[in-house]
N, C-alpha and C. Protein backbone atom coordinates (compact mmCIF):
# COMPACT_ATOMS: atom_id res chain seq x y z
N UNK A 1 -3.36 6.24 2.71
CA UNK A 1 -2.50 7.38 2.95
C UNK A 1 -3.24 8.37 3.82
N UNK A 2 -2.51 8.98 4.72
CA UNK A 2 -3.14 9.98 5.58
C UNK A 2 -3.14 11.33 4.89
N UNK A 3 -4.14 12.12 5.19
CA UNK A 3 -4.22 13.46 4.65
C UNK A 3 -4.46 14.41 5.81
N UNK A 4 -3.70 15.44 6.00
CA UNK A 4 -2.50 15.77 5.24
C UNK A 4 -1.37 14.79 5.54
N UNK A 5 -0.38 14.75 4.66
CA UNK A 5 0.75 13.86 4.81
C UNK A 5 1.50 14.17 6.10
N UNK A 6 1.77 13.14 6.89
CA UNK A 6 2.50 13.30 8.14
C UNK A 6 3.98 13.06 7.86
N UNK A 7 4.80 14.03 8.24
CA UNK A 7 6.22 13.93 7.97
C UNK A 7 7.03 14.13 9.25
N UNK A 8 8.29 13.69 9.19
CA UNK A 8 9.25 13.92 10.26
C UNK A 8 10.49 14.49 9.60
N UNK A 9 11.01 15.57 10.14
CA UNK A 9 12.21 16.19 9.57
C UNK A 9 13.43 15.31 9.80
N UNK A 10 14.34 15.31 8.85
CA UNK A 10 15.56 14.52 8.91
C UNK A 10 16.40 14.85 10.14
N UNK A 11 16.35 16.09 10.60
CA UNK A 11 17.18 16.49 11.74
C UNK A 11 16.56 16.14 13.10
N UNK A 12 15.40 15.51 13.10
CA UNK A 12 14.76 15.10 14.36
C UNK A 12 15.35 13.78 14.85
N UNK A 13 15.29 13.54 16.14
CA UNK A 13 15.82 12.30 16.70
C UNK A 13 14.88 11.13 16.40
N UNK A 14 15.41 9.93 16.54
CA UNK A 14 14.58 8.73 16.37
C UNK A 14 13.48 8.72 17.42
N UNK A 15 13.80 9.16 18.61
CA UNK A 15 12.80 9.23 19.69
C UNK A 15 11.66 10.18 19.29
N UNK A 16 11.99 11.30 18.67
CA UNK A 16 10.96 12.25 18.22
C UNK A 16 10.12 11.64 17.11
N UNK A 17 10.76 10.90 16.21
CA UNK A 17 10.01 10.24 15.14
C UNK A 17 9.04 9.21 15.72
N UNK A 18 9.50 8.47 16.72
CA UNK A 18 8.65 7.49 17.38
C UNK A 18 7.45 8.18 18.04
N UNK A 19 7.69 9.29 18.71
CA UNK A 19 6.60 10.03 19.36
C UNK A 19 5.61 10.54 18.32
N UNK A 20 6.11 11.02 17.19
CA UNK A 20 5.23 11.53 16.12
C UNK A 20 4.35 10.41 15.57
N UNK A 21 4.93 9.24 15.38
CA UNK A 21 4.15 8.11 14.88
C UNK A 21 3.09 7.71 15.91
N UNK A 22 3.44 7.76 17.18
CA UNK A 22 2.50 7.44 18.24
C UNK A 22 1.36 8.45 18.27
N UNK A 23 1.69 9.74 18.20
CA UNK A 23 0.67 10.81 18.22
C UNK A 23 -0.34 10.65 17.09
N UNK A 24 0.16 10.30 15.92
CA UNK A 24 -0.70 10.23 14.74
C UNK A 24 -1.24 8.83 14.49
N UNK A 25 -0.79 7.86 15.33
CA UNK A 25 -1.23 6.47 15.23
C UNK A 25 -0.94 5.88 13.85
N UNK A 26 0.19 6.26 13.29
CA UNK A 26 0.59 5.74 11.99
C UNK A 26 1.75 4.77 12.13
N UNK A 27 1.86 3.84 11.21
CA UNK A 27 2.92 2.84 11.23
C UNK A 27 4.10 3.27 10.36
N UNK A 28 3.90 4.32 9.58
CA UNK A 28 4.95 4.81 8.68
C UNK A 28 4.96 6.33 8.69
N UNK A 29 6.12 6.90 8.44
CA UNK A 29 6.19 8.35 8.26
C UNK A 29 7.21 8.68 7.19
N UNK A 30 6.97 9.76 6.51
CA UNK A 30 7.89 10.24 5.48
C UNK A 30 8.90 11.15 6.15
N UNK A 31 10.19 10.86 5.94
CA UNK A 31 11.26 11.69 6.48
C UNK A 31 11.62 12.70 5.40
N UNK A 32 11.68 13.97 5.81
CA UNK A 32 11.96 15.02 4.84
C UNK A 32 13.21 15.81 5.20
N UNK A 33 13.86 16.32 4.16
CA UNK A 33 14.98 17.24 4.30
C UNK A 33 14.51 18.53 3.64
N UNK A 34 14.07 19.48 4.45
CA UNK A 34 13.41 20.66 3.89
C UNK A 34 12.06 20.22 3.34
N UNK A 35 11.82 20.48 2.07
CA UNK A 35 10.57 20.06 1.44
C UNK A 35 10.72 18.75 0.67
N UNK A 36 11.95 18.22 0.63
CA UNK A 36 12.22 17.01 -0.15
C UNK A 36 12.04 15.74 0.68
N UNK A 37 11.25 14.78 0.17
CA UNK A 37 11.15 13.49 0.86
C UNK A 37 12.46 12.74 0.71
N UNK A 38 12.94 12.15 1.81
CA UNK A 38 14.21 11.44 1.80
C UNK A 38 13.99 9.93 1.88
N UNK A 39 13.08 9.51 2.76
CA UNK A 39 12.79 8.09 2.93
C UNK A 39 11.48 7.92 3.65
N UNK A 40 11.02 6.69 3.68
CA UNK A 40 9.85 6.33 4.48
C UNK A 40 10.37 5.47 5.61
N UNK A 41 10.08 5.87 6.83
CA UNK A 41 10.52 5.14 8.02
C UNK A 41 9.32 4.40 8.60
N UNK A 42 9.49 3.13 8.93
CA UNK A 42 8.40 2.33 9.47
C UNK A 42 8.67 1.94 10.92
N UNK A 43 7.64 1.47 11.59
CA UNK A 43 7.80 0.98 12.95
C UNK A 43 8.78 -0.18 12.98
N UNK A 44 8.75 -1.02 11.96
CA UNK A 44 9.69 -2.13 11.87
C UNK A 44 11.12 -1.62 11.81
N UNK A 45 11.35 -0.57 11.03
CA UNK A 45 12.70 0.03 10.97
C UNK A 45 13.15 0.46 12.35
N UNK A 46 12.26 1.11 13.08
CA UNK A 46 12.63 1.64 14.40
C UNK A 46 12.95 0.52 15.39
N UNK A 47 12.14 -0.53 15.39
CA UNK A 47 12.38 -1.64 16.30
C UNK A 47 13.67 -2.37 15.95
N UNK A 48 13.91 -2.54 14.66
CA UNK A 48 15.09 -3.26 14.20
C UNK A 48 16.37 -2.50 14.45
N UNK A 49 16.38 -1.21 14.16
CA UNK A 49 17.61 -0.43 14.28
C UNK A 49 17.82 0.18 15.66
N UNK A 50 16.74 0.28 16.45
CA UNK A 50 16.83 0.89 17.78
C UNK A 50 16.02 0.08 18.79
N UNK A 51 16.47 -1.15 19.10
CA UNK A 51 15.68 -1.99 20.01
C UNK A 51 15.50 -1.38 21.39
N UNK A 52 16.36 -0.44 21.77
CA UNK A 52 16.21 0.20 23.07
C UNK A 52 14.92 1.04 23.15
N UNK A 53 14.32 1.32 22.01
CA UNK A 53 13.08 2.10 21.99
C UNK A 53 11.84 1.22 21.99
N UNK A 54 12.02 -0.09 22.07
CA UNK A 54 10.88 -1.01 22.03
C UNK A 54 9.75 -0.60 22.97
N UNK A 55 10.09 -0.21 24.17
CA UNK A 55 9.06 0.14 25.15
C UNK A 55 8.35 1.45 24.80
N UNK A 56 8.94 2.26 23.94
CA UNK A 56 8.34 3.55 23.58
C UNK A 56 7.51 3.48 22.31
N UNK A 57 7.67 2.39 21.56
CA UNK A 57 6.90 2.26 20.33
C UNK A 57 5.52 1.72 20.72
N UNK A 58 4.47 2.32 20.19
CA UNK A 58 3.12 1.93 20.59
C UNK A 58 2.91 0.42 20.51
N UNK A 59 2.16 -0.11 21.45
CA UNK A 59 1.92 -1.54 21.53
C UNK A 59 1.35 -2.09 20.23
N UNK A 60 0.43 -1.39 19.61
CA UNK A 60 -0.17 -1.88 18.37
C UNK A 60 0.88 -2.04 17.29
N UNK A 61 1.87 -1.18 17.25
CA UNK A 61 2.92 -1.30 16.26
C UNK A 61 3.85 -2.45 16.59
N UNK A 62 4.18 -2.63 17.87
CA UNK A 62 5.04 -3.74 18.29
C UNK A 62 4.43 -5.07 17.91
N UNK A 63 3.13 -5.23 18.10
CA UNK A 63 2.46 -6.49 17.78
C UNK A 63 2.61 -6.81 16.30
N UNK A 64 2.42 -5.82 15.45
CA UNK A 64 2.54 -6.04 14.02
C UNK A 64 3.97 -6.34 13.63
N UNK A 65 4.93 -5.68 14.26
CA UNK A 65 6.34 -5.92 13.95
C UNK A 65 6.71 -7.34 14.35
N UNK A 66 6.32 -7.76 15.55
CA UNK A 66 6.65 -9.10 16.02
C UNK A 66 6.02 -10.14 15.10
N UNK A 67 4.80 -9.90 14.65
CA UNK A 67 4.11 -10.82 13.75
C UNK A 67 4.87 -10.90 12.42
N UNK A 68 5.29 -9.79 11.87
CA UNK A 68 5.95 -9.81 10.57
C UNK A 68 7.33 -10.45 10.66
N UNK A 69 8.03 -10.30 11.80
CA UNK A 69 9.34 -10.92 11.95
C UNK A 69 9.20 -12.43 12.15
N UNK A 70 8.12 -12.88 12.79
CA UNK A 70 7.91 -14.30 13.01
C UNK A 70 7.53 -15.03 11.73
N UNK A 71 6.83 -14.30 10.85
CA UNK A 71 6.30 -14.92 9.63
C UNK A 71 7.32 -15.01 8.60
């Protein structure tokens, strides 16, 4: 777990969440609504639900996603 906890607000775009994950080099982020955690979003979630963002998701995350989908 990263310290401090890295979060993305629920009202942010998927593109913003992707950028935040890239900035922090994390594969997962906690999505929050105010101070309440709502869900954990992963790089796999982003690639699966928004394939148009494939080129924007960090290469290291894409490699792991492709590996997990193949396995």
